[in-house]
Amino acid sequence: MSDYIGRKNTYYTFFLLGIAMYLADVFGTQFVGAIHGRLLTAWSTAGIVGPVVVNYIREFEIAAGVPRDHVYDVTMYVLAAMLVGGFVCNYLVKPLSDKWFMKPEEVAALQAKQSTAGTMAAGSFGIGKGGLDGKSVLFWAFVGIPLAWGVWQTLVNAMKIF
C-alpha cells in the first residue's frame, strides 16, 4: 500500500489514525503520559532493532554467497513475521477487569487530596515512587551505555560521509 500512496502519505496515515484512535478504555486518561512514553519507547526500540536485524540478515546472506540483488528476500519474510508477531501481541491485549479501575469517587478523592496538599503528584505512577536509587541507576546504565555507544558509532560512520 505504501508503494501506491507514497512514504509520506503512509506516515501521515499512521499519525492521523493514531490521533483518532487514542482511547482511554484500558488505562484511563490519568495515565496518558505514561502510556505515550511506553508507546514512544516501543517505536524507538523498533527503530533500532529493525535496521540491526536487516543488517545482520543482509551480511549473513552476502557471506553465504547469495547474489546481491537477492540479499533482502529473506529479510522481507523476517520483517513480515515480526509484523505478524506484533499483530498477535496486539490481539492478546484484552480489556481489564473492573477491579483495576478507580471508581469516580476514588478519582475525585485523590484529586481533592492532591489539590488540598498544594502539590500535584509527581513521579512514575504504577512503577515506583520516582527518584534515583541504585536500582534505577543500574537500569539507566543498562539502557544508556548501549544507546551512547550506538550514537557514537552513528556519528563516527556519519563523519565518513563528509
Protein backbone atom coordinates (compact mmCIF):
# COMPACT_ATOMS: atom_id res chain seq x y z
CA MET A 1 0.00 0.00 0.00
CA SER A 2 2.85 2.39 0.84
CA ASP A 3 4.27 1.88 -2.65
CA TYR A 4 0.95 3.06 -4.05
CA ILE A 5 0.21 6.06 -1.79
CA GLY A 6 3.83 7.00 -1.07
CA ARG A 7 6.03 7.02 2.02
CA LYS A 8 4.96 10.44 3.27
CA ASN A 9 1.26 9.66 2.98
CA THR A 10 1.80 6.33 4.73
CA TYR A 11 3.28 8.10 7.75
CA TYR A 12 0.56 10.74 7.66
CA THR A 13 -1.95 7.88 7.81
CA PHE A 14 -0.17 6.29 10.79
CA PHE A 15 -0.17 9.54 12.73
CA LEU A 16 -3.72 10.56 11.86
CA LEU A 17 -5.03 7.12 12.77
CA GLY A 18 -3.04 7.27 16.00
CA ILE A 19 -4.61 10.61 16.92
CA ALA A 20 -8.09 9.40 16.05
CA MET A 21 -7.73 6.10 17.88
CA TYR A 22 -6.26 7.20 21.22
CA LEU A 23 -8.75 5.75 23.69
CA ALA A 24 -8.87 5.66 27.45
CA ASP A 25 -10.79 2.40 27.74
CA VAL A 26 -7.91 0.32 29.10
CA PHE A 27 -5.66 2.64 31.07
CA GLY A 28 -7.61 5.83 31.71
CA THR A 29 -6.79 9.41 30.81
CA GLN A 30 -4.95 9.99 34.07
CA PHE A 31 -2.02 7.90 32.82
CA VAL A 32 -1.91 9.02 29.19
CA GLY A 33 1.60 10.48 29.68
CA ALA A 34 2.99 7.15 30.84
CA ILE A 35 1.15 5.33 28.08
CA HIS A 36 2.54 7.71 25.46
CA GLY A 37 6.03 7.25 26.90
CA ARG A 38 5.75 3.49 26.58
CA LEU A 39 4.46 3.86 23.02
CA LEU A 40 7.41 6.07 22.08
CA THR A 41 9.76 3.57 23.74
CA ALA A 42 8.27 0.75 21.67
CA TRP A 43 8.60 2.79 18.46
CA SER A 44 12.19 3.70 19.33
CA THR A 45 13.05 0.09 20.05
CA ALA A 46 11.58 -0.94 16.70
CA GLY A 47 13.54 1.86 15.03
CA ILE A 48 16.77 0.45 16.44
CA VAL A 49 16.11 -3.30 16.32
CA GLY A 50 14.61 -3.31 12.80
CA PRO A 51 17.65 -1.91 10.96
CA VAL A 52 20.01 -4.02 13.06
CA VAL A 53 18.11 -7.19 12.14
CA VAL A 54 18.04 -6.16 8.48
CA ASN A 55 21.80 -5.52 8.53
CA TYR A 56 22.64 -8.84 10.21
CA ILE A 57 20.50 -10.80 7.78
CA ARG A 58 21.99 -8.91 4.82
CA GLU A 59 25.56 -9.59 5.99
CA PHE A 60 24.72 -13.26 6.60
CA GLU A 61 23.21 -13.58 3.12
CA ILE A 62 26.25 -11.94 1.47
CA ALA A 63 28.63 -14.22 3.43
CA ALA A 64 26.57 -17.22 2.29
CA GLY A 65 27.13 -16.23 -1.33
CA VAL A 66 23.61 -15.02 -2.10
CA PRO A 67 23.63 -12.66 -5.11
CA ARG A 68 23.40 -9.01 -4.04
CA ASP A 69 20.11 -8.49 -5.83
CA HIS A 70 18.54 -11.21 -3.62
CA VAL A 71 20.04 -10.42 -0.19
CA TYR A 72 16.84 -8.75 1.03
CA ASP A 73 14.48 -11.58 0.05
CA VAL A 74 14.74 -13.38 3.41
CA THR A 75 14.76 -10.04 5.25
CA MET A 76 11.28 -9.18 3.99
CA TYR A 77 9.93 -12.50 5.28
CA VAL A 78 11.56 -11.95 8.68
CA LEU A 79 10.13 -8.43 8.92
CA ALA A 80 6.71 -9.72 7.83
CA ALA A 81 6.93 -12.36 10.59
CA MET A 82 7.75 -9.60 13.10
CA LEU A 83 4.66 -7.71 11.96
CA VAL A 84 2.57 -10.85 12.42
CA GLY A 85 4.06 -11.20 15.92
CA GLY A 86 3.10 -7.61 16.68
CA PHE A 87 -0.40 -8.26 15.36
CA VAL A 88 -0.74 -11.32 17.62
CA CYS A 89 0.52 -9.35 20.64
CA ASN A 90 -1.97 -6.62 19.86
CA TYR A 91 -4.75 -9.21 19.60
CA LEU A 92 -3.82 -10.61 23.01
CA VAL A 93 -4.46 -7.27 24.73
CA LYS A 94 -7.84 -7.66 26.38
CA PRO A 95 -9.98 -5.25 28.40
CA LEU A 96 -9.08 -5.14 32.06
CA SER A 97 -11.31 -6.38 34.81
CA ASP A 98 -13.34 -3.72 36.62
CA LYS A 99 -11.30 -4.37 39.77
CA TRP A 100 -8.36 -2.49 38.17
CA PHE A 101 -10.31 0.71 37.52
CA MET A 102 -10.77 3.53 40.00
CA LYS A 103 -14.33 4.49 40.75
CA PRO A 104 -15.28 8.12 40.01
CA GLU A 105 -15.45 8.89 43.72
CA GLU A 106 -11.95 7.44 44.24
CA VAL A 107 -10.58 9.65 41.45
CA ALA A 108 -12.33 12.69 42.91
CA ALA A 109 -10.96 11.92 46.39
CA LEU A 110 -7.42 11.54 45.02
CA GLN A 111 -7.65 14.79 43.07
CA ALA A 112 -9.07 16.60 46.11
CA LYS A 113 -6.26 15.25 48.29
CA GLN A 114 -3.67 16.47 45.78
CA SER A 115 -5.21 19.92 45.45
CA THR A 116 -5.52 20.43 49.23
CA ALA A 117 -1.90 19.41 49.69
CA GLY A 118 -0.98 22.20 47.28
CA THR A 119 1.08 19.95 45.08
CA MET A 120 0.34 17.73 42.21
CA ALA A 121 1.51 14.16 42.31
CA ALA A 122 4.86 13.59 40.67
CA GLY A 123 6.95 10.59 39.84
CA SER A 124 6.32 7.42 37.95
CA PHE A 125 2.81 6.20 38.64
CA GLY A 126 2.49 2.45 38.92
CA ILE A 127 6.23 1.92 38.55
CA GLY A 128 7.56 3.17 41.84
CA LYS A 129 7.83 6.34 43.81
CA GLY A 130 10.24 8.06 41.45
CA GLY A 131 13.67 9.30 42.38
CA LEU A 132 17.10 7.91 41.65
CA ASP A 133 18.32 4.93 43.64
CA GLY A 134 20.92 2.26 42.94
CA LYS A 135 18.50 0.04 41.07
CA SER A 136 17.34 2.84 38.76
CA VAL A 137 20.98 3.90 38.12
CA LEU A 138 21.75 0.30 37.14
CA PHE A 139 18.83 0.15 34.72
CA TRP A 140 19.65 3.57 33.24
CA ALA A 141 23.22 2.35 32.70
CA PHE A 142 21.86 -0.85 31.13
CA VAL A 143 19.94 1.28 28.62
CA GLY A 144 22.20 4.33 28.44
CA ILE A 145 25.56 2.71 27.75
CA PRO A 146 24.45 0.78 24.64
CA LEU A 147 22.48 3.81 23.50
CA ALA A 148 25.50 6.08 23.91
CA TRP A 149 27.68 3.56 22.07
CA GLY A 150 25.13 3.44 19.22
CA VAL A 151 25.03 7.23 18.98
CA TRP A 152 28.84 7.33 18.95
CA GLN A 153 29.05 4.70 16.19
CA THR A 154 26.43 6.56 14.17
CA LEU A 155 28.37 9.80 14.46
CA VAL A 156 31.67 8.12 13.55
CA ASN A 157 30.11 6.49 10.49
CA ALA A 158 28.29 9.66 9.50
CA MET A 159 31.55 11.61 9.59
CA LYS A 160 32.95 9.25 6.90
CA ILE A 161 30.40 10.70 4.51
CA PHE A 162 31.77 14.22 4.86
